[in-house]
């Protein structure tokens, strides 16, 4: 170990060892079921997140800025990974694994994996483009890439 690196002294309790009870536990269980485990969550909510990578229309919906659809897949997967760890759900682990593999299959030959058609579109638009869109000068592609990568890392940690 390098002399300037200090080993972490914090021991995290695995989510699988934690159980919430009472009112909060019931709310969490309801949330997990309705937003992550249910057919609706997996076949409607999740599919909408995935469709952003199939259709790649973020930079078309709001030209030069984007619609930030790409962050939703990552955020949903991060939540699903945490719920799978908490509940120990093998079927959710399989769903996450399949979802990550599908997303990788949508990667462009140059390595780009995102919801913008133009993979080089990650800078703020010109002031003229921002004014025409009646929007401040920003672009969401980097933000989308961040959550996609974070979701992929969480999925890999869970599924290997």
Protein backbone atom coordinates (compact mmCIF):
# COMPACT_ATOMS: atom_id res chain seq x y z
CA UNK A 1 0.00 0.00 0.00
CA UNK A 2 1.24 3.48 -0.83
CA UNK A 3 2.17 5.47 2.28
CA UNK A 4 -0.38 8.22 1.58
CA UNK A 5 -3.32 5.84 1.19
CA UNK A 6 -5.21 5.05 4.38
CA UNK A 7 -7.42 2.00 4.56
CA UNK A 8 -11.04 2.82 5.33
CA UNK A 9 -11.99 2.37 8.96
CA UNK A 10 -15.71 2.48 8.22
CA UNK A 11 -17.51 -0.85 8.12
CA UNK A 12 -20.70 -0.65 6.09
CA UNK A 13 -23.57 -2.91 7.04
CA UNK A 14 -24.75 -4.79 3.94
CA UNK A 15 -28.29 -3.90 2.87
CA UNK A 16 -29.21 -7.57 3.10
CA UNK A 17 -28.63 -7.36 6.88
CA UNK A 18 -30.97 -4.41 7.39
CA UNK A 19 -34.73 -4.67 7.91
CA UNK A 20 -37.00 -1.69 8.30
CA UNK A 21 -40.17 -2.34 10.24
CA UNK A 22 -43.27 -0.48 11.21
CA UNK A 23 -44.74 2.30 9.13
CA UNK A 24 -41.48 3.14 7.34
CA UNK A 25 -40.85 -0.51 6.50
CA UNK A 26 -44.34 -0.84 5.05
CA UNK A 27 -43.82 2.29 2.93
CA UNK A 28 -40.50 0.95 1.63
CA UNK A 29 -42.00 -2.44 0.79
CA UNK A 30 -44.85 -0.73 -1.07
CA UNK A 31 -42.42 1.49 -2.94
CA UNK A 32 -40.22 -1.45 -3.93
CA UNK A 33 -43.21 -3.42 -5.18
CA UNK A 34 -44.90 -0.61 -7.10
CA UNK A 35 -41.86 1.17 -8.58
CA UNK A 36 -39.31 -1.65 -9.02
CA UNK A 37 -40.68 -5.20 -8.73
CA UNK A 38 -44.13 -4.92 -10.33
CA UNK A 39 -44.93 -5.75 -13.94
CA UNK A 40 -45.79 -2.08 -14.48
CA UNK A 41 -42.44 -0.92 -13.10
CA UNK A 42 -40.47 -3.35 -15.25
CA UNK A 43 -42.55 -3.27 -18.42
CA UNK A 44 -43.56 0.40 -18.51
CA UNK A 45 -41.32 2.54 -16.29
CA UNK A 46 -38.08 0.64 -16.96
CA UNK A 47 -38.83 0.20 -20.68
CA UNK A 48 -39.29 3.96 -21.02
CA UNK A 49 -35.83 4.42 -19.47
CA UNK A 50 -34.35 1.87 -21.87
CA UNK A 51 -36.14 3.39 -24.89
CA UNK A 52 -34.07 6.53 -24.47
CA UNK A 53 -31.02 4.53 -25.55
CA UNK A 54 -32.85 2.81 -28.39
CA UNK A 55 -34.45 5.93 -29.90
CA UNK A 56 -31.75 8.48 -29.01
CA UNK A 57 -33.97 11.53 -29.33
CA UNK A 58 -32.77 13.65 -26.42
CA UNK A 59 -30.97 16.18 -28.62
CA UNK A 60 -33.92 16.29 -31.03
CA UNK A 61 -36.64 17.01 -28.45
CA UNK A 62 -34.87 20.18 -27.26
CA UNK A 63 -32.25 20.93 -29.95
CA UNK A 64 -28.78 21.69 -28.63
CA UNK A 65 -29.77 21.06 -25.04
CA UNK A 66 -31.45 17.69 -24.76
CA UNK A 67 -34.23 16.20 -22.74
CA UNK A 68 -32.07 14.47 -20.06
CA UNK A 69 -33.81 11.13 -20.61
CA UNK A 70 -30.50 9.30 -20.26
CA UNK A 71 -30.24 9.82 -16.52
CA UNK A 72 -33.43 7.86 -15.84
CA UNK A 73 -32.01 4.43 -16.73
CA UNK A 74 -29.11 4.86 -14.34
CA UNK A 75 -31.24 6.18 -11.51
CA UNK A 76 -33.78 3.36 -11.90
CA UNK A 77 -31.05 0.70 -12.00
CA UNK A 78 -29.27 2.18 -8.96
CA UNK A 79 -32.58 1.99 -7.05
CA UNK A 80 -33.27 -1.53 -8.32
CA UNK A 81 -29.80 -2.72 -7.27
CA UNK A 82 -30.31 -1.33 -3.77
CA UNK A 83 -33.78 -2.92 -3.55
CA UNK A 84 -32.38 -6.25 -4.80
CA UNK A 85 -29.62 -6.13 -2.18
CA UNK A 86 -32.12 -5.22 0.55
CA UNK A 87 -34.63 -7.95 -0.34
CA UNK A 88 -32.25 -10.58 -1.72
CA UNK A 89 -34.47 -10.91 -4.81
CA UNK A 90 -32.82 -13.30 -7.26
CA UNK A 91 -35.34 -12.43 -9.99
CA UNK A 92 -34.51 -8.72 -9.66
CA UNK A 93 -30.82 -9.53 -9.87
CA UNK A 94 -31.50 -11.42 -13.13
CA UNK A 95 -33.59 -8.51 -14.46
CA UNK A 96 -30.79 -6.04 -13.68
CA UNK A 97 -28.20 -8.29 -15.31
CA UNK A 98 -30.29 -8.65 -18.47
CA UNK A 99 -30.93 -4.90 -18.53
CA UNK A 100 -27.24 -4.07 -18.27
CA UNK A 101 -26.39 -6.53 -21.05
CA UNK A 102 -29.10 -5.04 -23.26
CA UNK A 103 -27.77 -1.55 -22.64
CA UNK A 104 -24.23 -2.64 -23.54
CA UNK A 105 -25.64 -4.05 -26.80
CA UNK A 106 -26.89 -0.53 -27.63
CA UNK A 107 -23.38 0.92 -27.43
CA UNK A 108 -22.16 2.55 -30.65
CA UNK A 109 -19.00 1.27 -32.38
CA UNK A 110 -17.03 4.25 -31.04
CA UNK A 111 -17.97 3.28 -27.47
CA UNK A 112 -20.68 5.89 -26.97
CA UNK A 113 -23.59 4.77 -24.84
CA UNK A 114 -26.18 7.47 -24.47
CA UNK A 115 -29.49 8.99 -25.41
CA UNK A 116 -28.23 11.72 -27.72
CA UNK A 117 -27.85 10.95 -31.43
CA UNK A 118 -24.73 13.07 -31.63
CA UNK A 119 -22.20 11.46 -29.28
CA UNK A 120 -19.99 14.55 -29.52
CA UNK A 121 -22.84 16.74 -28.25
CA UNK A 122 -21.85 17.33 -24.65
CA UNK A 123 -21.12 21.04 -24.55
CA UNK A 124 -23.55 23.86 -23.87
CA UNK A 125 -25.15 25.21 -27.03
CA UNK A 126 -24.32 28.60 -28.43
CA UNK A 127 -26.07 31.56 -26.80
CA UNK A 128 -28.22 31.85 -29.93
CA UNK A 129 -29.36 28.20 -29.72
CA UNK A 130 -30.11 28.58 -26.02
CA UNK A 131 -32.13 31.73 -26.66
CA UNK A 132 -34.07 30.06 -29.48
CA UNK A 133 -34.92 27.17 -27.15
CA UNK A 134 -35.89 29.65 -24.41
CA UNK A 135 -33.56 27.76 -22.12
CA UNK A 136 -30.34 28.55 -20.24
CA UNK A 137 -27.04 27.47 -21.79
CA UNK A 138 -26.65 23.89 -20.69
CA UNK A 139 -26.57 20.41 -22.11
CA UNK A 140 -27.56 17.26 -20.23
CA UNK A 141 -25.50 14.65 -22.10
CA UNK A 142 -22.66 14.50 -19.56
CA UNK A 143 -25.21 14.24 -16.73
CA UNK A 144 -26.91 11.38 -18.57
CA UNK A 145 -23.58 9.62 -19.11
CA UNK A 146 -22.78 9.98 -15.41
CA UNK A 147 -25.95 8.19 -14.28
CA UNK A 148 -25.63 5.55 -17.00
CA UNK A 149 -22.08 4.72 -15.93
CA UNK A 150 -23.03 4.78 -12.24
CA UNK A 151 -25.95 2.42 -12.94
CA UNK A 152 -23.70 0.10 -14.93
CA UNK A 153 -21.14 0.03 -12.11
CA UNK A 154 -23.85 -0.76 -9.55
CA UNK A 155 -25.26 -3.50 -11.80
CA UNK A 156 -21.78 -4.97 -12.24
CA UNK A 157 -21.13 -4.92 -8.49
CA UNK A 158 -24.40 -6.80 -7.92
CA UNK A 159 -24.21 -9.29 -10.79
CA UNK A 160 -20.54 -9.55 -11.64
